[in-house]
Amino acid sequence: MEKITLNVEGMSCGHCVKAVETSVGALNGVSTVKVDLENKKVDVEFKGSEVSVDKIKETIDDQGYEVK
């Protein structure tokens, strides 16, 4: 398992947290997603052999948030 912490701009409420956690959590290979709304961070634990960091970032971008 690999872990990454992404800085994400544009999240401001519970809906944002749910949108990111649900969309990233649905990716094959992702085991856990934890959004820290106050610090604008998203922690993801995943299998690098099944999903790439770029795919995770793209999924967050698709929800309307900007990965820094």
C-alpha atoms as a PDB file:
ATOM      1  CA  MET A   1       0.000   0.000   0.000  1.00  0.00           C
ATOM      2  CA  GLU A   2       1.086   3.527  -0.778  1.00  0.00           C
ATOM      3  CA  LYS A   3      -0.027   6.712   0.944  1.00  0.00           C
ATOM      4  CA  ILE A   4      -0.179  10.224  -0.426  1.00  0.00           C
ATOM      5  CA  THR A   5      -1.349  13.560   0.961  1.00  0.00           C
ATOM      6  CA  LEU A   6      -2.666  16.010  -1.606  1.00  0.00           C
ATOM      7  CA  ASN A   7      -3.262  19.735  -1.107  1.00  0.00           C
ATOM      8  CA  VAL A   8      -6.685  20.520  -2.541  1.00  0.00           C
ATOM      9  CA  GLU A   9      -8.197  23.985  -3.025  1.00  0.00           C
ATOM     10  CA  GLY A  10     -11.886  24.778  -3.327  1.00  0.00           C
ATOM     11  CA  MET A  11     -13.360  22.473  -0.673  1.00  0.00           C
ATOM     12  CA  SER A  12     -15.520  24.412   1.773  1.00  0.00           C
ATOM     13  CA  CYS A  13     -18.260  22.204   3.223  1.00  0.00           C
ATOM     14  CA  GLY A  14     -19.489  18.733   4.048  1.00  0.00           C
ATOM     15  CA  HIS A  15     -20.766  18.252   0.505  1.00  0.00           C
ATOM     16  CA  CYS A  16     -17.244  18.860  -0.803  1.00  0.00           C
ATOM     17  CA  VAL A  17     -15.841  16.269   1.598  1.00  0.00           C
ATOM     18  CA  LYS A  18     -18.435  13.698   0.543  1.00  0.00           C
ATOM     19  CA  ALA A  19     -17.904  14.390  -3.178  1.00  0.00           C
ATOM     20  CA  VAL A  20     -14.138  13.853  -2.922  1.00  0.00           C
ATOM     21  CA  GLU A  21     -14.316  10.856  -0.575  1.00  0.00           C
ATOM     22  CA  THR A  22     -17.002   9.131  -2.666  1.00  0.00           C
ATOM     23  CA  SER A  23     -15.404   9.705  -6.075  1.00  0.00           C
ATOM     24  CA  VAL A  24     -11.837   8.832  -5.058  1.00  0.00           C
ATOM     25  CA  GLY A  25     -13.025   5.958  -2.879  1.00  0.00           C
ATOM     26  CA  ALA A  26     -14.779   4.428  -5.896  1.00  0.00           C
ATOM     27  CA  LEU A  27     -11.502   4.026  -7.803  1.00  0.00           C
ATOM     28  CA  ASN A  28     -10.140   0.490  -8.039  1.00  0.00           C
ATOM     29  CA  GLY A  29      -7.127   0.160  -5.779  1.00  0.00           C
ATOM     30  CA  VAL A  30      -8.078   2.921  -3.327  1.00  0.00           C
ATOM     31  CA  SER A  31      -8.549   1.584   0.189  1.00  0.00           C
ATOM     32  CA  THR A  32      -9.053   4.746   2.262  1.00  0.00           C
ATOM     33  CA  VAL A  33      -9.734   8.439   1.616  1.00  0.00           C
ATOM     34  CA  LYS A  34      -9.729  11.019   4.395  1.00  0.00           C
ATOM     35  CA  VAL A  35     -10.463  14.687   3.731  1.00  0.00           C
ATOM     36  CA  ASP A  36      -9.152  17.301   6.182  1.00  0.00           C
ATOM     37  CA  LEU A  37     -11.366  20.248   5.254  1.00  0.00           C
ATOM     38  CA  GLU A  38      -9.714  22.721   7.658  1.00  0.00           C
ATOM     39  CA  ASN A  39      -6.195  22.099   6.329  1.00  0.00           C
ATOM     40  CA  LYS A  40      -7.298  21.555   2.703  1.00  0.00           C
ATOM     41  CA  LYS A  41      -5.675  18.120   2.534  1.00  0.00           C
ATOM     42  CA  VAL A  42      -6.752  14.736   1.214  1.00  0.00           C
ATOM     43  CA  ASP A  43      -5.018  11.590   2.476  1.00  0.00           C
ATOM     44  CA  VAL A  44      -5.317   8.575   0.185  1.00  0.00           C
ATOM     45  CA  GLU A  45      -4.131   5.014   0.783  1.00  0.00           C
ATOM     46  CA  PHE A  46      -3.981   2.988  -2.420  1.00  0.00           C
ATOM     47  CA  LYS A  47      -2.353   0.181  -4.378  1.00  0.00           C
ATOM     48  CA  GLY A  48       0.001   1.768  -6.900  1.00  0.00           C
ATOM     49  CA  SER A  49      -0.267  -1.296  -9.103  1.00  0.00           C
ATOM     50  CA  GLU A  50      -4.008  -0.640  -9.575  1.00  0.00           C
ATOM     51  CA  VAL A  51      -4.378   3.148  -9.629  1.00  0.00           C
ATOM     52  CA  SER A  52      -1.978   6.016 -10.334  1.00  0.00           C
ATOM     53  CA  VAL A  53      -1.538   9.255  -8.421  1.00  0.00           C
ATOM     54  CA  ASP A  54      -2.420  11.083 -11.652  1.00  0.00           C
ATOM     55  CA  LYS A  55      -5.756   9.225 -11.816  1.00  0.00           C
ATOM     56  CA  ILE A  56      -6.518  10.184  -8.208  1.00  0.00           C
ATOM     57  CA  LYS A  57      -5.682  13.841  -8.944  1.00  0.00           C
ATOM     58  CA  GLU A  58      -7.773  13.748 -12.128  1.00  0.00           C
ATOM     59  CA  THR A  59     -10.750  12.373 -10.196  1.00  0.00           C
ATOM     60  CA  ILE A  60     -10.523  15.220  -7.666  1.00  0.00           C
ATOM     61  CA  ASP A  61     -10.210  17.755 -10.518  1.00  0.00           C
ATOM     62  CA  ASP A  62     -13.311  16.243 -12.139  1.00  0.00           C
ATOM     63  CA  GLN A  63     -15.256  17.059  -8.964  1.00  0.00           C
ATOM     64  CA  GLY A  64     -14.364  20.733  -9.414  1.00  0.00           C
ATOM     65  CA  TYR A  65     -11.494  21.059  -6.950  1.00  0.00           C
ATOM     66  CA  GLU A  66      -7.909  22.032  -7.678  1.00  0.00           C
ATOM     67  CA  VAL A  67      -5.045  19.788  -6.624  1.00  0.00           C
ATOM     68  CA  LYS A  68      -1.974  21.879  -5.802  1.00  0.00           C
END
